[in-house]
C-alpha atoms as a PDB file:
ATOM      1  CA  MET A   1      38.722  46.532 -11.911  1.00  0.00           C
ATOM      2  CA  LYS A   2      35.037  47.249 -13.686  1.00  0.00           C
ATOM      3  CA  THR A   3      35.512  44.846 -16.240  1.00  0.00           C
ATOM      4  CA  THR A   4      36.495  42.066 -13.694  1.00  0.00           C
ATOM      5  CA  LEU A   5      33.335  43.139 -11.868  1.00  0.00           C
ATOM      6  CA  VAL A   6      31.187  42.396 -14.903  1.00  0.00           C
ATOM      7  CA  ILE A   7      33.042  39.592 -15.461  1.00  0.00           C
ATOM      8  CA  LEU A   8      32.175  37.975 -12.336  1.00  0.00           C
ATOM      9  CA  THR A   9      28.885  39.270 -12.566  1.00  0.00           C
ATOM     10  CA  LEU A  10      28.347  37.553 -15.344  1.00  0.00           C
ATOM     11  CA  ILE A  11      29.515  34.222 -14.494  1.00  0.00           C
ATOM     12  CA  THR A  12      27.347  34.526 -11.008  1.00  0.00           C
ATOM     13  CA  VAL A  13      24.415  34.872 -13.537  1.00  0.00           C
ATOM     14  CA  VAL A  14      25.488  32.398 -15.410  1.00  0.00           C
ATOM     15  CA  HIS A  15      25.824  29.842 -12.764  1.00  0.00           C
ATOM     16  CA  MET A  16      22.629  30.955 -10.599  1.00  0.00           C
ATOM     17  CA  GLY A  17      20.586  30.151 -13.540  1.00  0.00           C
ATOM     18  CA  ALA A  18      22.223  26.813 -14.492  1.00  0.00           C
ATOM     19  CA  ILE A  19      21.317  25.926 -10.909  1.00  0.00           C
ATOM     20  CA  ALA A  20      17.969  26.954 -11.561  1.00  0.00           C
ATOM     21  CA  GLN A  21      17.590  24.954 -14.668  1.00  0.00           C
ATOM     22  CA  THR A  22      14.863  22.149 -14.165  1.00  0.00           C
ATOM     23  CA  GLU A  23      16.238  18.794 -15.605  1.00  0.00           C
ATOM     24  CA  MET A  24      15.023  16.017 -17.622  1.00  0.00           C
ATOM     25  CA  ILE A  25      14.379  12.363 -15.587  1.00  0.00           C
ATOM     26  CA  THR A  26      12.969   9.801 -18.226  1.00  0.00           C
ATOM     27  CA  HIS A  27      10.250   7.744 -16.563  1.00  0.00           C
ATOM     28  CA  ARG A  28      11.674   4.029 -16.693  1.00  0.00           C
ATOM     29  CA  GLY A  29      13.756   4.975 -19.303  1.00  0.00           C
ATOM     30  CA  ALA A  30      12.914   6.622 -22.722  1.00  0.00           C
ATOM     31  CA  TRP A  31      10.159   3.991 -24.164  1.00  0.00           C
ATOM     32  CA  LYS A  32       6.946   5.249 -25.048  1.00  0.00           C
ATOM     33  CA  ASN A  33       7.740   6.877 -28.234  1.00  0.00           C
ATOM     34  CA  THR A  34      10.655   5.142 -29.057  1.00  0.00           C
ATOM     35  CA  GLU A  35       8.746   1.560 -29.130  1.00  0.00           C
ATOM     36  CA  VAL A  36      10.972  -0.316 -26.892  1.00  0.00           C
ATOM     37  CA  PRO A  37       9.934  -2.160 -23.645  1.00  0.00           C
ATOM     38  CA  GLN A  38      10.111   0.046 -20.599  1.00  0.00           C
ATOM     39  CA  ASN A  39      12.707  -0.662 -18.177  1.00  0.00           C
ATOM     40  CA  SER A  40      15.070  -2.536 -20.983  1.00  0.00           C
ATOM     41  CA  LEU A  41      18.390  -1.830 -21.563  1.00  0.00           C
ATOM     42  CA  ALA A  42      17.194  -0.725 -25.106  1.00  0.00           C
ATOM     43  CA  SER A  43      15.127   2.143 -22.924  1.00  0.00           C
ATOM     44  CA  LEU A  44      17.942   3.205 -20.907  1.00  0.00           C
ATOM     45  CA  ASN A  45      20.159   3.904 -24.142  1.00  0.00           C
ATOM     46  CA  LYS A  46      17.424   5.583 -25.541  1.00  0.00           C
ATOM     47  CA  ALA A  47      17.294   7.913 -22.863  1.00  0.00           C
ATOM     48  CA  ILE A  48      20.949   8.606 -23.042  1.00  0.00           C
ATOM     49  CA  GLU A  49      20.783   9.277 -26.249  1.00  0.00           C
ATOM     50  CA  GLN A  50      17.839  12.016 -25.638  1.00  0.00           C
ATOM     51  CA  GLN A  51      20.605  13.526 -22.820  1.00  0.00           C
ATOM     52  CA  ALA A  52      18.079  12.938 -20.202  1.00  0.00           C
ATOM     53  CA  TRP A  53      19.915  13.982 -17.112  1.00  0.00           C
ATOM     54  CA  GLY A  54      18.695  11.066 -15.437  1.00  0.00           C
ATOM     55  CA  SER A  55      16.705   7.647 -16.117  1.00  0.00           C
ATOM     56  CA  GLU A  56      14.640   5.855 -13.706  1.00  0.00           C
ATOM     57  CA  PHE A  57      14.675   2.408 -13.378  1.00  0.00           C
ATOM     58  CA  ASP A  58      12.742  -0.489 -10.852  1.00  0.00           C
ATOM     59  CA  VAL A  59      14.257  -3.101  -8.909  1.00  0.00           C
ATOM     60  CA  HIS A  60      12.448  -6.036  -7.734  1.00  0.00           C
ATOM     61  CA  LEU A  61      14.259  -9.222  -5.491  1.00  0.00           C
ATOM     62  CA  THR A  62      14.070 -12.648  -6.604  1.00  0.00           C
ATOM     63  CA  LYS A  63      13.198 -15.593  -4.470  1.00  0.00           C
ATOM     64  CA  ASP A  64      16.849 -16.289  -4.524  1.00  0.00           C
ATOM     65  CA  ASP A  65      18.250 -12.823  -4.082  1.00  0.00           C
ATOM     66  CA  VAL A  66      19.186 -11.546  -7.520  1.00  0.00           C
ATOM     67  CA  LEU A  67      18.186  -7.871  -8.122  1.00  0.00           C
ATOM     68  CA  VAL A  68      16.123  -7.449 -11.296  1.00  0.00           C
ATOM     69  CA  VAL A  69      15.039  -4.746 -13.749  1.00  0.00           C
ATOM     70  CA  ASN A  70      11.202  -4.352 -13.916  1.00  0.00           C
ATOM     71  CA  HIS A  71       8.100  -2.198 -12.657  1.00  0.00           C
ATOM     72  CA  ASP A  72       5.316  -4.488 -11.935  1.00  0.00           C
ATOM     73  CA  GLN A  73       5.512  -7.373  -9.568  1.00  0.00           C
ATOM     74  CA  ASP A  74       5.369  -9.787 -12.271  1.00  0.00           C
ATOM     75  CA  PHE A  75       7.569 -10.110 -15.301  1.00  0.00           C
ATOM     76  CA  TYR A  76       5.020 -10.961 -18.109  1.00  0.00           C
ATOM     77  CA  GLY A  77       2.866 -13.177 -15.719  1.00  0.00           C
ATOM     78  CA  ILE A  78       5.875 -14.833 -13.544  1.00  0.00           C
ATOM     79  CA  ASP A  79       5.721 -13.574 -10.081  1.00  0.00           C
ATOM     80  CA  ILE A  80       9.136 -11.941  -8.919  1.00  0.00           C
ATOM     81  CA  ALA A  81       9.186 -11.980  -5.183  1.00  0.00           C
ATOM     82  CA  THR A  82       8.460 -15.665  -5.426  1.00  0.00           C
ATOM     83  CA  SER A  83      10.501 -16.843  -8.171  1.00  0.00           C
ATOM     84  CA  THR A  84      14.113 -17.436  -9.182  1.00  0.00           C
ATOM     85  CA  TYR A  85      16.088 -15.443 -11.738  1.00  0.00           C
ATOM     86  CA  GLU A  86      16.380 -18.924 -13.582  1.00  0.00           C
ATOM     87  CA  GLU A  87      12.416 -19.095 -13.560  1.00  0.00           C
ATOM     88  CA  LEU A  88      12.181 -15.419 -14.867  1.00  0.00           C
ATOM     89  CA  LEU A  89      14.118 -16.242 -17.675  1.00  0.00           C
ATOM     90  CA  ALA A  90      11.500 -18.125 -19.299  1.00  0.00           C
ATOM     91  CA  LYS A  91       9.903 -14.735 -20.362  1.00  0.00           C
ATOM     92  CA  LYS A  92      11.065 -12.242 -22.387  1.00  0.00           C
ATOM     93  CA  HIS A  93      10.245  -8.564 -23.426  1.00  0.00           C
ATOM     94  CA  PRO A  94       9.005  -8.023 -26.886  1.00  0.00           C
ATOM     95  CA  ASN A  95      12.382  -6.751 -28.391  1.00  0.00           C
ATOM     96  CA  GLY A  96      14.017  -9.983 -27.118  1.00  0.00           C
ATOM     97  CA  GLU A  97      15.829  -9.018 -23.991  1.00  0.00           C
ATOM     98  CA  SER A  98      15.621 -11.002 -21.196  1.00  0.00           C
ATOM     99  CA  ILE A  99      14.738  -9.435 -18.017  1.00  0.00           C
ATOM    100  CA  ALA A 100      18.072  -7.347 -16.680  1.00  0.00           C
ATOM    101  CA  THR A 101      19.809  -8.233 -13.721  1.00  0.00           C
ATOM    102  CA  ALA A 102      20.281  -4.594 -11.589  1.00  0.00           C
ATOM    103  CA  GLU A 103      23.893  -5.623 -12.428  1.00  0.00           C
ATOM    104  CA  GLU A 104      23.573  -5.787 -16.205  1.00  0.00           C
ATOM    105  CA  TYR A 105      21.500  -2.673 -16.028  1.00  0.00           C
ATOM    106  CA  LEU A 106      23.929  -0.656 -14.404  1.00  0.00           C
ATOM    107  CA  LYS A 107      26.786  -1.665 -16.023  1.00  0.00           C
ATOM    108  CA  GLU A 108      25.433  -0.472 -19.392  1.00  0.00           C
ATOM    109  CA  GLY A 109      24.557   2.844 -17.987  1.00  0.00           C
ATOM    110  CA  LEU A 110      28.235   2.914 -16.496  1.00  0.00           C
ATOM    111  CA  LYS A 111      29.251   3.138 -20.064  1.00  0.00           C
ATOM    112  CA  GLN A 112      28.441   6.697 -20.228  1.00  0.00           C
ATOM    113  CA  LYS A 113      28.889   9.500 -17.489  1.00  0.00           C
ATOM    114  CA  LYS A 114      26.244  11.890 -17.892  1.00  0.00           C
ATOM    115  CA  THR A 115      22.906  10.618 -17.435  1.00  0.00           C
ATOM    116  CA  LYS A 116      22.600   9.754 -13.919  1.00  0.00           C
ATOM    117  CA  LEU A 117      21.232   5.951 -13.180  1.00  0.00           C
ATOM    118  CA  ILE A 118      17.686   6.724 -10.602  1.00  0.00           C
ATOM    119  CA  TYR A 119      17.463   3.467  -8.810  1.00  0.00           C
ATOM    120  CA  GLU A 120      13.904   2.798  -7.604  1.00  0.00           C
ATOM    121  CA  LEU A 121      14.283   0.165  -4.780  1.00  0.00           C
ATOM    122  CA  LYS A 122      10.623  -1.516  -4.950  1.00  0.00           C
ATOM    123  CA  THR A 123       8.642  -2.551  -1.854  1.00  0.00           C
ATOM    124  CA  ASN A 124       8.682  -6.214  -1.394  1.00  0.00           C
ATOM    125  CA  LYS A 125       5.552  -8.116  -1.488  1.00  0.00           C
ATOM    126  CA  LEU A 126       6.760 -10.069   0.904  1.00  0.00           C
ATOM    127  CA  GLY A 127       7.161  -7.600   3.485  1.00  0.00           C
ATOM    128  CA  THR A 128       9.646  -4.921   5.362  1.00  0.00           C
ATOM    129  CA  GLU A 129      12.460  -7.562   5.794  1.00  0.00           C
ATOM    130  CA  ARG A 130      12.707  -8.618   1.904  1.00  0.00           C
ATOM    131  CA  THR A 131      12.868  -5.003   1.409  1.00  0.00           C
ATOM    132  CA  LEU A 132      15.192  -3.941   3.308  1.00  0.00           C
ATOM    133  CA  LYS A 133      17.382  -7.544   2.181  1.00  0.00           C
ATOM    134  CA  SER A 134      16.952  -5.501  -1.356  1.00  0.00           C
ATOM    135  CA  ALA A 135      18.632  -2.128  -0.005  1.00  0.00           C
ATOM    136  CA  GLU A 136      21.355  -4.156   1.069  1.00  0.00           C
ATOM    137  CA  LEU A 137      21.980  -5.807  -1.918  1.00  0.00           C
ATOM    138  CA  ALA A 138      21.150  -1.938  -3.659  1.00  0.00           C
ATOM    139  CA  VAL A 139      23.928  -0.630  -1.841  1.00  0.00           C
ATOM    140  CA  ALA A 140      26.405  -3.409  -2.349  1.00  0.00           C
ATOM    141  CA  LEU A 141      26.149  -3.653  -5.638  1.00  0.00           C
ATOM    142  CA  VAL A 142      26.796   0.042  -6.340  1.00  0.00           C
ATOM    143  CA  LYS A 143      29.820  -0.188  -4.080  1.00  0.00           C
ATOM    144  CA  LYS A 144      30.951  -2.972  -5.990  1.00  0.00           C
ATOM    145  CA  LEU A 145      30.376  -1.216  -9.102  1.00  0.00           C
ATOM    146  CA  LYS A 146      31.906   1.892  -8.108  1.00  0.00           C
ATOM    147  CA  ALA A 147      28.608   3.507  -9.587  1.00  0.00           C
ATOM    148  CA  GLU A 148      28.335   5.782  -6.105  1.00  0.00           C
ATOM    149  CA  LYS A 149      28.710   8.926  -8.144  1.00  0.00           C
ATOM    150  CA  GLN A 150      26.430   8.073 -10.741  1.00  0.00           C
ATOM    151  CA  VAL A 151      23.473   6.245  -9.094  1.00  0.00           C
ATOM    152  CA  GLU A 152      20.640   7.806  -6.775  1.00  0.00           C
ATOM    153  CA  TYR A 153      18.089   6.136  -4.870  1.00  0.00           C
ATOM    154  CA  ILE A 154      14.514   6.616  -4.527  1.00  0.00           C
ATOM    155  CA  ALA A 155      11.641   4.228  -2.758  1.00  0.00           C
ATOM    156  CA  PHE A 156       7.847   4.329  -1.458  1.00  0.00           C
ATOM    157  CA  SER A 157       9.165   2.690   1.414  1.00  0.00           C
ATOM    158  CA  TYR A 158      10.823   5.227   4.199  1.00  0.00           C
ATOM    159  CA  ASP A 159      11.992   2.188   6.225  1.00  0.00           C
ATOM    160  CA  ALA A 160      14.078   1.223   2.848  1.00  0.00           C
ATOM    161  CA  CYS A 161      15.252   5.209   2.233  1.00  0.00           C
ATOM    162  CA  LEU A 162      16.878   5.206   5.859  1.00  0.00           C
ATOM    163  CA  LYS A 163      18.061   1.866   5.405  1.00  0.00           C
ATOM    164  CA  LEU A 164      20.080   3.140   2.592  1.00  0.00           C
ATOM    165  CA  LYS A 165      21.134   6.072   3.917  1.00  0.00           C
ATOM    166  CA  GLU A 166      22.522   4.344   6.829  1.00  0.00           C
ATOM    167  CA  LEU A 167      24.573   1.908   5.032  1.00  0.00           C
ATOM    168  CA  ASP A 168      26.017   4.754   2.742  1.00  0.00           C
ATOM    169  CA  LYS A 169      25.480   8.345   4.375  1.00  0.00           C
ATOM    170  CA  LYS A 170      27.013  10.216   1.367  1.00  0.00           C
ATOM    171  CA  ALA A 171      24.112   8.212  -0.712  1.00  0.00           C
ATOM    172  CA  LYS A 172      21.490  10.433  -2.335  1.00  0.00           C
ATOM    173  CA  VAL A 173      18.495   9.278  -1.454  1.00  0.00           C
ATOM    174  CA  HIS A 174      14.881  10.694  -2.389  1.00  0.00           C
ATOM    175  CA  TYR A 175      11.448   9.487  -0.276  1.00  0.00           C
ATOM    176  CA  LEU A 176       8.862   9.046  -2.999  1.00  0.00           C
ATOM    177  CA  ASN A 177       5.403   8.224  -0.942  1.00  0.00           C
ATOM    178  CA  GLY A 178       4.321  11.931  -0.620  1.00  0.00           C
ATOM    179  CA  ASP A 179       3.361  11.869   3.148  1.00  0.00           C
ATOM    180  CA  LYS A 180       6.190  13.408   4.846  1.00  0.00           C
ATOM    181  CA  SER A 181       6.943  17.182   4.514  1.00  0.00           C
ATOM    182  CA  PRO A 182      10.229  18.568   3.989  1.00  0.00           C
ATOM    183  CA  GLN A 183      11.010  19.198   7.530  1.00  0.00           C
ATOM    184  CA  GLU A 184      10.763  15.293   8.252  1.00  0.00           C
ATOM    185  CA  ILE A 185      12.650  14.856   5.420  1.00  0.00           C
ATOM    186  CA  LYS A 186      15.844  17.183   6.454  1.00  0.00           C
ATOM    187  CA  ALA A 187      15.634  15.617   9.857  1.00  0.00           C
ATOM    188  CA  ALA A 188      15.888  12.096   8.384  1.00  0.00           C
ATOM    189  CA  GLY A 189      18.712  12.978   6.880  1.00  0.00           C
ATOM    190  CA  LEU A 190      17.156  12.056   3.361  1.00  0.00           C
ATOM    191  CA  SER A 191      18.538  14.375   0.521  1.00  0.00           C
ATOM    192  CA  GLY A 192      15.147  14.973  -1.029  1.00  0.00           C
ATOM    193  CA  LEU A 193      11.683  14.914  -2.382  1.00  0.00           C
ATOM    194  CA  ASP A 194      10.213  12.728  -5.002  1.00  0.00           C
ATOM    195  CA  TYR A 195       6.709  13.329  -5.240  1.00  0.00           C
ATOM    196  CA  ASN A 196       3.431  12.760  -7.330  1.00  0.00           C
ATOM    197  CA  GLN A 197       1.953  16.080  -8.929  1.00  0.00           C
ATOM    198  CA  SER A 198      -1.120  15.815  -7.083  1.00  0.00           C
ATOM    199  CA  VAL A 199       1.020  16.012  -4.059  1.00  0.00           C
ATOM    200  CA  TYR A 200       3.033  19.336  -4.698  1.00  0.00           C
ATOM    201  CA  LYS A 201      -0.878  20.830  -6.091  1.00  0.00           C
ATOM    202  CA  LYS A 202      -2.104  19.833  -2.580  1.00  0.00           C
ATOM    203  CA  HIS A 203       1.086  21.685  -1.024  1.00  0.00           C
ATOM    204  CA  PRO A 204       2.609  24.157  -3.050  1.00  0.00           C
ATOM    205  CA  GLU A 205       4.729  25.786  -0.734  1.00  0.00           C
ATOM    206  CA  TRP A 206       6.555  22.847  -0.136  1.00  0.00           C
ATOM    207  CA  ILE A 207       8.940  23.201  -3.224  1.00  0.00           C
ATOM    208  CA  GLY A 208      10.214  26.550  -1.710  1.00  0.00           C
ATOM    209  CA  GLU A 209      10.177  25.336   1.565  1.00  0.00           C
ATOM    210  CA  ALA A 210      12.590  22.296   0.397  1.00  0.00           C
ATOM    211  CA  LYS A 211      14.669  24.704  -1.385  1.00  0.00           C
ATOM    212  CA  LYS A 212      15.526  26.536   1.748  1.00  0.00           C
ATOM    213  CA  LEU A 213      16.439  23.269   3.496  1.00  0.00           C
ATOM    214  CA  LYS A 214      18.405  22.449   0.699  1.00  0.00           C
ATOM    215  CA  LEU A 215      16.768  19.784  -0.495  1.00  0.00           C
ATOM    216  CA  LYS A 216      16.181  18.322  -3.828  1.00  0.00           C
ATOM    217  CA  THR A 217      12.689  18.081  -5.358  1.00  0.00           C
ATOM    218  CA  ASN A 218      11.797  15.920  -8.286  1.00  0.00           C
ATOM    219  CA  VAL A 219       7.918  15.160  -9.468  1.00  0.00           C
ATOM    220  CA  TRP A 220       6.163  12.504 -11.401  1.00  0.00           C
ATOM    221  CA  THR A 221       4.919  11.472 -13.512  1.00  0.00           C
ATOM    222  CA  VAL A 222       4.219  15.175 -15.616  1.00  0.00           C
ATOM    223  CA  ASN A 223       3.293  14.262 -19.343  1.00  0.00           C
ATOM    224  CA  ARG A 224       1.169  16.940 -20.027  1.00  0.00           C
ATOM    225  CA  GLU A 225       2.883  20.155 -21.149  1.00  0.00           C
ATOM    226  CA  ASP A 226       0.762  22.578 -19.200  1.00  0.00           C
ATOM    227  CA  ASP A 227       1.932  20.748 -16.312  1.00  0.00           C
ATOM    228  CA  MET A 228       5.213  20.803 -17.256  1.00  0.00           C
ATOM    229  CA  HIS A 229       5.107  24.478 -17.328  1.00  0.00           C
ATOM    230  CA  TYR A 230       3.588  24.708 -14.168  1.00  0.00           C
ATOM    231  CA  PHE A 231       6.379  23.089 -12.267  1.00  0.00           C
ATOM    232  CA  ILE A 232       8.993  24.983 -14.576  1.00  0.00           C
ATOM    233  CA  ASP A 233       7.376  27.635 -13.129  1.00  0.00           C
ATOM    234  CA  GLN A 234       7.805  26.522  -9.974  1.00  0.00           C
ATOM    235  CA  LYS A 235      11.370  26.188 -10.405  1.00  0.00           C
ATOM    236  CA  ILE A 236      11.411  22.228  -9.231  1.00  0.00           C
ATOM    237  CA  ASP A 237      15.171  20.478  -9.829  1.00  0.00           C
ATOM    238  CA  TYR A 238      13.569  17.670 -11.574  1.00  0.00           C
ATOM    239  CA  ILE A 239      10.792  16.333 -13.528  1.00  0.00           C
ATOM    240  CA  THR A 240      10.285  12.662 -14.353  1.00  0.00           C
ATOM    241  CA  THR A 241       7.966  12.283 -17.517  1.00  0.00           C
ATOM    242  CA  ASP A 242       7.080   9.292 -20.086  1.00  0.00           C
ATOM    243  CA  GLU A 243       7.392  12.190 -22.832  1.00  0.00           C
ATOM    244  CA  PRO A 244      10.805  12.887 -22.696  1.00  0.00           C
ATOM    245  CA  GLU A 245      10.371  14.539 -26.442  1.00  0.00           C
ATOM    246  CA  LEU A 246       8.149  16.922 -25.348  1.00  0.00           C
ATOM    247  CA  LEU A 247       9.627  17.976 -22.343  1.00  0.00           C
ATOM    248  CA  SER A 248      13.021  18.513 -24.094  1.00  0.00           C
ATOM    249  CA  ARG A 249      11.233  20.831 -26.406  1.00  0.00           C
ATOM    250  CA  VAL A 250       9.485  22.535 -23.233  1.00  0.00           C
ATOM    251  CA  LEU A 251      12.723  23.035 -21.486  1.00  0.00           C
ATOM    252  CA  LYS A 252      14.484  24.370 -24.422  1.00  0.00           C
ATOM    253  CA  LYS A 253      11.723  27.040 -25.134  1.00  0.00           C
END
């Protein structure tokens, strides 16, 4: 009986430790130290090679309703919201890749199952209607690819977050803007807070409050070792970084 109790206790401790472990999300893939373009298929594969828990990528909607992966509102000088997908193909990343469609990007990421695909739905410059259209197309695409278990959504647009959750009640949706308390996020039925580090430092109680509400917490974009240690000590769930190599070393200490 004693042996059984000891084993059960050890299993519980190990399990609790695993839950408490901060995980790494690469920001736009692993690009900075690998010298590949951010938000490229190459940067996604580098993140997967580094065994990141998740890899974040940014998605815009073109004039002709194609979801494409890029951070800025323009792709090497071509405005995305007012251009067609074909027009965007006039430019290439420095490594020779064309701008990836969200479908191409997800299919690449779905070749494996360990690294989550953190889908940031970008706010469309043409207004809320186009942003919500992007949300509708995003959920339809993820369902088409049967990628629901691999994809989590993030967005600065609160309306978009609510729309994503409405379209897929089981989807994990995290809010980016930093102006909602954990209690407000919980009441809205969202999955968690994904805030800039300055927000958490202004509201240091929010991480603990979120945990009590069973919400997930992520912080971005953390590139300095002292900040990494700070948020690990706060037991944040995820850290998004441009420096995955550094964060990996810190997490292993």
